C-alpha cells in the first residue's frame, strides 16, 4: 500500500514536471516561481524553463543557436540579466539594453526589440560564414600550390 501511494505521488510529480517543461519560458513571470536578481555568465545554468535548455550552460545554449530564447528571457524576465559580452553576442546593443530589475511589459514592443536583436545575430552569422568560406578557399589554394611544387 505504501509503495503504491509513493508511486502515485511520483507519477503526479512527473506529470506536473511535464506540464512545467511544456510552458513558454516567459509564463514563469506570471507563476509563483520566484527568481532573485541574477547576472548570468557563459558557465551559468538557467535552472528554469524548457527541459532542453533548463540544465544547460548559457555557452551551450548559444552553441545550439537558441539566441532567440535568451533574448526573450532578457527582455521578458525582470530579474535575469547577462554579462555585457553575452548581450553583445545576442545582438543587444548598449542603446537596446534595459535597466534591471525591469522588463518590457508591452508584448508588441518586446516582439519588435527581439526581432531587431535577432536580425543583428543573423547578419553576424552570415558574416562569420562568409569569412569561414573565404578562409577555407584560401587554404585550398595554398594546398594546391604546395602540391604543385612537389
N, C-alpha and C. Protein backbone atom coordinates (compact mmCIF):
# COMPACT_ATOMS: atom_id res chain seq x y z
N UNK A 1 0.83 -1.19 0.00
CA UNK A 1 0.00 0.00 0.00
C UNK A 1 0.87 1.26 0.00
N UNK A 2 1.88 1.27 0.84
CA UNK A 2 2.76 2.42 0.92
C UNK A 2 3.51 2.61 -0.41
N UNK A 3 3.94 1.51 -1.03
CA UNK A 3 4.64 1.60 -2.31
C UNK A 3 3.72 2.18 -3.38
N UNK A 4 2.48 1.74 -3.43
CA UNK A 4 1.54 2.24 -4.42
C UNK A 4 1.31 3.74 -4.23
N UNK A 5 1.17 4.15 -2.98
CA UNK A 5 0.95 5.56 -2.71
C UNK A 5 2.17 6.38 -3.18
N UNK A 6 3.36 5.89 -2.90
CA UNK A 6 4.58 6.57 -3.31
C UNK A 6 4.66 6.66 -4.83
N UNK A 7 4.33 5.58 -5.52
CA UNK A 7 4.36 5.58 -6.98
C UNK A 7 3.35 6.55 -7.56
N UNK A 8 2.15 6.60 -6.97
CA UNK A 8 1.15 7.54 -7.50
C UNK A 8 1.59 8.98 -7.27
N UNK A 9 2.24 9.27 -6.12
CA UNK A 9 2.75 10.61 -5.88
C UNK A 9 3.86 10.95 -6.86
N UNK A 10 4.70 9.95 -7.15
CA UNK A 10 5.79 10.16 -8.09
C UNK A 10 5.23 10.46 -9.48
N UNK A 11 4.19 9.75 -9.88
CA UNK A 11 3.58 9.99 -11.19
C UNK A 11 2.98 11.40 -11.24
N UNK A 12 2.33 11.82 -10.17
CA UNK A 12 1.78 13.17 -10.14
C UNK A 12 2.90 14.20 -10.27
N UNK A 13 3.98 13.94 -9.56
CA UNK A 13 5.11 14.86 -9.63
C UNK A 13 5.67 14.91 -11.05
N UNK A 14 5.79 13.76 -11.69
CA UNK A 14 6.31 13.71 -13.06
C UNK A 14 5.39 14.44 -14.02
N UNK A 15 4.08 14.26 -13.90
CA UNK A 15 3.17 14.93 -14.81
C UNK A 15 3.20 16.44 -14.57
N UNK A 16 3.38 16.86 -13.33
CA UNK A 16 3.49 18.29 -13.04
C UNK A 16 4.78 18.84 -13.65
N UNK A 17 5.86 18.06 -13.55
CA UNK A 17 7.12 18.47 -14.16
C UNK A 17 6.95 18.57 -15.66
N UNK A 18 6.24 17.62 -16.24
CA UNK A 18 6.00 17.63 -17.68
C UNK A 18 5.21 18.88 -18.07
N UNK A 19 4.24 19.24 -17.25
CA UNK A 19 3.45 20.45 -17.51
C UNK A 19 4.35 21.68 -17.52
N UNK A 20 5.21 21.79 -16.49
CA UNK A 20 6.08 22.95 -16.42
C UNK A 20 7.10 22.96 -17.55
N UNK A 21 7.54 21.79 -17.99
CA UNK A 21 8.54 21.77 -19.05
C UNK A 21 7.94 22.16 -20.39
N UNK A 22 6.62 22.08 -20.54
CA UNK A 22 5.97 22.45 -21.79
C UNK A 22 5.54 23.92 -21.81
N UNK A 23 5.67 24.63 -20.70
CA UNK A 23 5.25 26.03 -20.64
C UNK A 23 6.19 26.91 -21.45
N UNK A 24 5.68 28.03 -21.91
CA UNK A 24 6.54 29.03 -22.52
C UNK A 24 7.42 29.59 -21.41
N UNK A 25 8.66 29.86 -21.75
CA UNK A 25 9.62 30.28 -20.73
C UNK A 25 9.17 31.57 -20.05
N UNK A 26 8.44 32.41 -20.75
CA UNK A 26 8.01 33.68 -20.16
C UNK A 26 6.75 33.53 -19.32
N UNK A 27 6.12 32.36 -19.32
CA UNK A 27 4.99 32.13 -18.45
C UNK A 27 5.40 32.09 -16.98
N UNK A 28 6.69 31.93 -16.72
CA UNK A 28 7.16 31.89 -15.35
C UNK A 28 7.00 33.23 -14.66
N UNK A 29 6.95 34.32 -15.43
CA UNK A 29 6.78 35.63 -14.82
C UNK A 29 5.41 35.76 -14.15
N UNK A 30 4.42 35.01 -14.63
CA UNK A 30 3.07 35.08 -14.08
C UNK A 30 2.79 33.97 -13.06
N UNK A 31 3.75 33.10 -12.85
CA UNK A 31 3.53 31.99 -11.92
C UNK A 31 4.07 32.35 -10.54
N UNK A 32 4.03 31.41 -9.65
CA UNK A 32 4.53 31.64 -8.30
C UNK A 32 6.02 31.37 -8.21
N UNK A 33 6.63 31.05 -9.33
CA UNK A 33 8.06 30.78 -9.38
C UNK A 33 8.82 32.07 -9.09
N UNK A 34 9.77 32.04 -8.17
CA UNK A 34 10.49 33.23 -7.76
C UNK A 34 11.96 33.12 -8.13
N UNK A 35 12.51 34.21 -8.64
CA UNK A 35 13.91 34.25 -9.03
C UNK A 35 14.53 35.50 -8.43
N UNK A 36 15.70 35.35 -7.83
CA UNK A 36 16.44 36.51 -7.38
C UNK A 36 17.10 37.17 -8.58
N UNK A 37 17.52 38.42 -8.42
CA UNK A 37 18.22 39.11 -9.49
C UNK A 37 19.50 38.34 -9.79
N UNK A 38 19.65 37.92 -11.05
CA UNK A 38 20.80 37.11 -11.45
C UNK A 38 21.46 37.70 -12.68
N UNK A 39 22.77 37.73 -12.67
CA UNK A 39 23.55 38.14 -13.85
C UNK A 39 24.28 36.89 -14.32
N UNK A 40 23.88 36.38 -15.48
CA UNK A 40 24.36 35.10 -15.95
C UNK A 40 25.61 35.24 -16.81
N UNK A 41 26.52 34.29 -16.66
CA UNK A 41 27.74 34.23 -17.45
C UNK A 41 27.66 33.03 -18.38
N UNK A 42 28.71 32.78 -19.12
CA UNK A 42 28.72 31.64 -20.05
C UNK A 42 28.60 30.30 -19.33
N UNK A 43 29.12 30.22 -18.12
CA UNK A 43 29.08 28.95 -17.38
C UNK A 43 27.81 28.78 -16.55
N UNK A 44 26.98 29.81 -16.48
CA UNK A 44 25.74 29.74 -15.70
C UNK A 44 24.73 28.82 -16.35
N UNK A 45 23.87 28.26 -15.52
CA UNK A 45 22.74 27.46 -16.00
C UNK A 45 21.47 28.22 -15.64
N UNK A 46 20.46 28.14 -16.51
CA UNK A 46 19.21 28.86 -16.24
C UNK A 46 18.54 28.33 -14.98
N UNK A 47 18.35 27.02 -14.91
CA UNK A 47 17.68 26.43 -13.75
C UNK A 47 16.17 26.48 -13.84
N UNK A 48 15.64 26.96 -14.95
CA UNK A 48 14.19 27.01 -15.16
C UNK A 48 13.93 26.98 -16.66
N UNK A 49 12.69 26.75 -17.02
CA UNK A 49 12.33 26.82 -18.43
C UNK A 49 12.18 25.47 -19.08
N UNK A 50 12.36 25.46 -20.39
CA UNK A 50 12.19 24.25 -21.17
C UNK A 50 13.16 23.17 -20.70
N UNK A 51 12.76 21.94 -20.87
CA UNK A 51 13.59 20.83 -20.45
C UNK A 51 14.91 20.81 -21.23
N UNK A 52 14.88 21.19 -22.52
CA UNK A 52 16.10 21.10 -23.31
C UNK A 52 17.12 22.20 -23.02
N UNK A 53 16.74 23.29 -22.35
CA UNK A 53 17.73 24.32 -22.01
C UNK A 53 17.83 24.57 -20.51
N UNK A 54 17.03 23.92 -19.72
CA UNK A 54 16.97 24.18 -18.28
C UNK A 54 18.32 23.94 -17.59
N UNK A 55 18.94 22.82 -17.86
CA UNK A 55 20.16 22.43 -17.14
C UNK A 55 21.42 22.58 -17.98
N UNK A 56 21.34 23.37 -19.05
CA UNK A 56 22.47 23.55 -19.95
C UNK A 56 23.08 24.92 -19.70
N UNK A 57 24.39 25.03 -19.87
CA UNK A 57 25.05 26.32 -19.67
C UNK A 57 24.65 27.30 -20.76
N UNK A 58 24.79 28.58 -20.47
CA UNK A 58 24.47 29.62 -21.43
C UNK A 58 25.34 29.45 -22.68
N UNK A 59 26.60 29.10 -22.49
CA UNK A 59 27.50 28.88 -23.63
C UNK A 59 26.95 27.79 -24.55
N UNK A 60 26.47 26.70 -23.97
CA UNK A 60 25.92 25.61 -24.78
C UNK A 60 24.62 26.02 -25.47
N UNK A 61 23.83 26.85 -24.83
CA UNK A 61 22.60 27.35 -25.46
C UNK A 61 22.96 28.21 -26.67
N UNK A 62 24.01 29.01 -26.54
CA UNK A 62 24.47 29.82 -27.67
C UNK A 62 24.99 28.93 -28.79
N UNK A 63 25.72 27.89 -28.45
CA UNK A 63 26.22 26.95 -29.46
C UNK A 63 25.06 26.26 -30.17
N UNK A 64 23.98 25.99 -29.46
CA UNK A 64 22.79 25.36 -30.04
C UNK A 64 21.98 26.34 -30.90
N UNK A 65 22.45 27.57 -31.03
CA UNK A 65 21.76 28.63 -31.80
C UNK A 65 20.37 28.92 -31.27
N UNK A 66 20.22 28.95 -29.96
CA UNK A 66 18.95 29.30 -29.34
C UNK A 66 19.03 30.73 -28.80
N UNK A 67 19.53 31.62 -29.65
CA UNK A 67 19.68 33.02 -29.27
C UNK A 67 18.34 33.65 -28.95
N UNK A 68 17.32 33.28 -29.71
CA UNK A 68 16.01 33.89 -29.53
C UNK A 68 15.48 33.67 -28.11
N UNK A 69 15.66 32.46 -27.58
CA UNK A 69 15.18 32.18 -26.23
C UNK A 69 15.88 33.07 -25.20
N UNK A 70 17.20 33.24 -25.36
CA UNK A 70 17.94 34.07 -24.41
C UNK A 70 17.55 35.54 -24.54
N UNK A 71 17.30 35.99 -25.76
CA UNK A 71 16.86 37.37 -25.96
C UNK A 71 15.50 37.59 -25.31
N UNK A 72 14.59 36.63 -25.50
CA UNK A 72 13.26 36.74 -24.89
C UNK A 72 13.36 36.73 -23.36
N UNK A 73 14.27 35.94 -22.84
CA UNK A 73 14.46 35.90 -21.39
C UNK A 73 14.95 37.26 -20.89
N UNK A 74 15.92 37.85 -21.60
CA UNK A 74 16.46 39.14 -21.18
C UNK A 74 15.39 40.22 -21.13
N UNK A 75 14.59 40.32 -22.20
CA UNK A 75 13.59 41.38 -22.27
C UNK A 75 12.30 41.04 -21.54
N UNK A 76 12.03 39.75 -21.30
CA UNK A 76 10.75 39.35 -20.72
C UNK A 76 10.77 39.05 -19.23
N UNK A 77 11.93 38.76 -18.68
CA UNK A 77 12.02 38.44 -17.25
C UNK A 77 12.81 39.55 -16.56
N UNK A 78 12.20 40.16 -15.58
CA UNK A 78 12.77 41.34 -14.95
C UNK A 78 14.01 41.12 -14.12
N UNK A 79 14.22 39.92 -13.63
CA UNK A 79 15.34 39.69 -12.72
C UNK A 79 16.47 38.86 -13.33
N UNK A 80 16.44 38.69 -14.65
CA UNK A 80 17.50 37.94 -15.32
C UNK A 80 18.28 38.89 -16.21
N UNK A 81 19.60 38.91 -16.02
CA UNK A 81 20.50 39.75 -16.80
C UNK A 81 21.66 38.89 -17.28
N UNK A 82 22.41 39.37 -18.24
CA UNK A 82 23.57 38.68 -18.76
C UNK A 82 24.76 39.62 -18.71
N UNK A 83 25.97 39.05 -18.72
CA UNK A 83 27.15 39.90 -18.77
C UNK A 83 27.18 40.59 -20.14
N UNK A 84 27.92 41.70 -20.22
CA UNK A 84 27.94 42.52 -21.44
C UNK A 84 28.37 41.73 -22.67
N UNK A 85 29.34 40.85 -22.50
CA UNK A 85 29.83 40.05 -23.62
C UNK A 85 28.71 39.21 -24.24
N UNK A 86 27.88 38.61 -23.41
CA UNK A 86 26.77 37.79 -23.91
C UNK A 86 25.71 38.68 -24.55
N UNK A 87 25.43 39.82 -23.93
CA UNK A 87 24.44 40.74 -24.51
C UNK A 87 24.88 41.18 -25.91
N UNK A 88 26.18 41.45 -26.07
CA UNK A 88 26.69 41.81 -27.40
C UNK A 88 26.50 40.66 -28.38
N UNK A 89 26.78 39.44 -27.95
CA UNK A 89 26.63 38.27 -28.81
C UNK A 89 25.16 38.03 -29.17
N UNK A 90 24.25 38.43 -28.28
CA UNK A 90 22.81 38.29 -28.54
C UNK A 90 22.27 39.42 -29.42
N UNK A 91 23.13 40.34 -29.82
CA UNK A 91 22.69 41.43 -30.69
C UNK A 91 22.01 42.55 -29.93
N UNK A 92 22.19 42.60 -28.62
CA UNK A 92 21.57 43.63 -27.79
C UNK A 92 22.61 44.73 -27.55
N UNK A 93 22.49 45.82 -28.30
CA UNK A 93 23.46 46.91 -28.21
C UNK A 93 23.22 47.72 -26.93
N UNK A 94 24.14 48.63 -26.67
CA UNK A 94 24.02 49.49 -25.48
C UNK A 94 22.71 50.26 -25.46
N UNK A 95 22.26 50.72 -26.64
CA UNK A 95 21.03 51.52 -26.71
C UNK A 95 19.79 50.67 -26.43
N UNK A 96 19.86 49.38 -26.73
CA UNK A 96 18.71 48.50 -26.57
C UNK A 96 18.58 47.95 -25.14
N UNK A 97 19.61 48.05 -24.35
CA UNK A 97 19.60 47.46 -23.01
C UNK A 97 18.63 48.19 -22.09
N UNK A 98 18.06 47.41 -21.17
CA UNK A 98 17.09 47.97 -20.24
C UNK A 98 17.64 47.84 -18.82
N UNK A 99 17.25 48.75 -17.93
CA UNK A 99 17.73 48.65 -16.54
C UNK A 99 17.09 47.44 -15.86
N UNK A 100 17.90 46.74 -15.09
CA UNK A 100 17.43 45.56 -14.36
C UNK A 100 17.46 45.87 -12.88
N UNK A 101 16.53 45.45 -12.04
CA UNK A 101 15.38 44.64 -12.42
C UNK A 101 14.39 45.46 -13.23
N UNK A 102 13.93 44.87 -14.29
CA UNK A 102 12.97 45.51 -15.18
C UNK A 102 12.81 44.68 -16.43
N UNK A 103 11.69 44.88 -17.12
CA UNK A 103 11.40 44.15 -18.34
C UNK A 103 10.51 45.01 -19.22
N UNK A 104 10.34 44.57 -20.46
CA UNK A 104 9.42 45.25 -21.37
C UNK A 104 8.07 44.56 -21.22
N UNK A 105 7.11 45.28 -20.71
CA UNK A 105 5.80 44.71 -20.40
C UNK A 105 4.94 44.57 -21.65
N UNK A 106 5.01 45.55 -22.54
CA UNK A 106 4.20 45.55 -23.76
C UNK A 106 4.71 44.47 -24.72
N UNK A 107 3.86 43.49 -25.02
CA UNK A 107 4.26 42.36 -25.85
C UNK A 107 4.66 42.79 -27.26
N UNK A 108 3.94 43.72 -27.85
CA UNK A 108 4.26 44.17 -29.20
C UNK A 108 5.63 44.83 -29.25
N UNK A 109 5.89 45.69 -28.29
CA UNK A 109 7.19 46.36 -28.23
C UNK A 109 8.30 45.34 -28.00
N UNK A 110 8.05 44.36 -27.12
CA UNK A 110 9.02 43.32 -26.84
C UNK A 110 9.33 42.51 -28.10
N UNK A 111 8.29 42.16 -28.85
CA UNK A 111 8.49 41.40 -30.09
C UNK A 111 9.34 42.18 -31.09
N UNK A 112 9.13 43.48 -31.17
CA UNK A 112 9.91 44.32 -32.09
C UNK A 112 11.38 44.34 -31.69
N UNK A 113 11.64 44.48 -30.40
CA UNK A 113 13.02 44.54 -29.92
C UNK A 113 13.70 43.19 -30.10
N UNK A 114 12.98 42.10 -29.84
CA UNK A 114 13.54 40.76 -30.04
C UNK A 114 13.87 40.55 -31.51
N UNK A 115 12.98 40.96 -32.40
CA UNK A 115 13.22 40.81 -33.84
C UNK A 115 14.44 41.62 -34.28
N UNK A 116 14.58 42.83 -33.72
CA UNK A 116 15.72 43.67 -34.06
C UNK A 116 17.03 43.02 -33.63
N UNK A 117 17.06 42.47 -32.42
CA UNK A 117 18.26 41.80 -31.93
C UNK A 117 18.56 40.55 -32.76
N UNK A 118 17.52 39.79 -33.12
CA UNK A 118 17.72 38.58 -33.92
C UNK A 118 18.27 38.92 -35.30
N UNK A 119 17.84 40.04 -35.85
CA UNK A 119 18.34 40.47 -37.15
C UNK A 119 19.85 40.71 -37.07
N UNK A 120 20.31 41.33 -36.00
CA UNK A 120 21.74 41.58 -35.80
C UNK A 120 22.48 40.25 -35.70
N UNK A 121 21.93 39.30 -34.96
CA UNK A 121 22.57 37.99 -34.79
C UNK A 121 22.68 37.28 -36.13
N UNK A 122 21.61 37.30 -36.92
CA UNK A 122 21.63 36.62 -38.22
C UNK A 122 22.62 37.26 -39.17
N UNK A 123 22.70 38.58 -39.18
CA UNK A 123 23.68 39.27 -40.03
C UNK A 123 25.10 38.90 -39.63
N UNK A 124 25.34 38.84 -38.32
CA UNK A 124 26.67 38.47 -37.82
C UNK A 124 27.02 37.04 -38.21
N UNK A 125 26.05 36.14 -38.14
CA UNK A 125 26.28 34.75 -38.53
C UNK A 125 26.62 34.65 -40.01
N UNK A 126 25.92 35.42 -40.85
CA UNK A 126 26.21 35.42 -42.29
C UNK A 126 27.64 35.89 -42.55
N UNK A 127 28.06 36.94 -41.84
CA UNK A 127 29.43 37.44 -41.99
C UNK A 127 30.44 36.38 -41.56
N UNK A 128 30.17 35.68 -40.47
CA UNK A 128 31.08 34.63 -40.00
C UNK A 128 31.18 33.50 -41.01
N UNK A 129 30.05 33.09 -41.58
CA UNK A 129 30.05 32.02 -42.57
C UNK A 129 30.84 32.45 -43.80
N UNK A 130 30.63 33.68 -44.26
CA UNK A 130 31.35 34.18 -45.42
C UNK A 130 32.86 34.23 -45.17
N UNK A 131 33.24 34.68 -43.97
CA UNK A 131 34.67 34.73 -43.62
C UNK A 131 35.25 33.32 -43.55
N UNK A 132 34.50 32.37 -43.02
CA UNK A 132 34.96 30.99 -42.93
C UNK A 132 35.14 30.40 -44.34
N UNK A 133 34.19 30.66 -45.22
CA UNK A 133 34.29 30.15 -46.60
C UNK A 133 35.51 30.74 -47.31
N UNK A 134 35.74 32.02 -47.12
CA UNK A 134 36.90 32.67 -47.72
C UNK A 134 38.19 32.05 -47.20
N UNK A 135 38.26 31.83 -45.90
CA UNK A 135 39.43 31.23 -45.30
C UNK A 135 39.64 29.81 -45.83
N UNK A 136 38.57 29.04 -45.96
CA UNK A 136 38.67 27.68 -46.48
C UNK A 136 39.15 27.69 -47.93
N UNK A 137 38.67 28.63 -48.72
CA UNK A 137 39.11 28.74 -50.12
C UNK A 137 40.59 29.09 -50.20
N UNK A 138 41.04 30.00 -49.35
CA UNK A 138 42.45 30.36 -49.32
C UNK A 138 43.31 29.16 -48.93
N UNK A 139 42.85 28.38 -47.99
CA UNK A 139 43.59 27.19 -47.56
C UNK A 139 43.67 26.17 -48.70
N UNK A 140 42.57 26.01 -49.45
CA UNK A 140 42.58 25.08 -50.59
C UNK A 140 43.58 25.53 -51.65
N UNK A 141 43.59 26.83 -51.95
CA UNK A 141 44.52 27.37 -52.94
C UNK A 141 45.97 27.17 -52.49
N UNK A 142 46.23 27.41 -51.22
CA UNK A 142 47.59 27.23 -50.69
C UNK A 142 47.99 25.76 -50.78
N UNK A 143 47.06 24.87 -50.48
CA UNK A 143 47.35 23.44 -50.55
C UNK A 143 47.61 23.02 -51.99
N UNK A 144 46.88 23.58 -52.95
CA UNK A 144 47.11 23.27 -54.37
C UNK A 144 48.51 23.73 -54.79
N UNK A 145 48.91 24.92 -54.32
CA UNK A 145 50.25 25.43 -54.65
C UNK A 145 51.33 24.51 -54.09
N UNK A 146 51.15 24.08 -52.86
CA UNK A 146 52.13 23.19 -52.23
C UNK A 146 52.19 21.85 -52.95
N UNK A 147 51.06 21.33 -53.36
CA UNK A 147 51.01 20.05 -54.08
C UNK A 147 51.63 20.17 -55.46
N UNK A 148 51.46 21.32 -56.12
CA UNK A 148 52.02 21.50 -57.47
C UNK A 148 53.54 21.67 -57.41
N UNK A 149 54.08 22.17 -56.29
CA UNK A 149 55.53 22.31 -56.12
C UNK A 149 56.20 20.95 -55.99
N UNK A 150 55.50 19.97 -55.45
CA UNK A 150 56.06 18.64 -55.22
C UNK A 150 56.09 17.92 -56.49
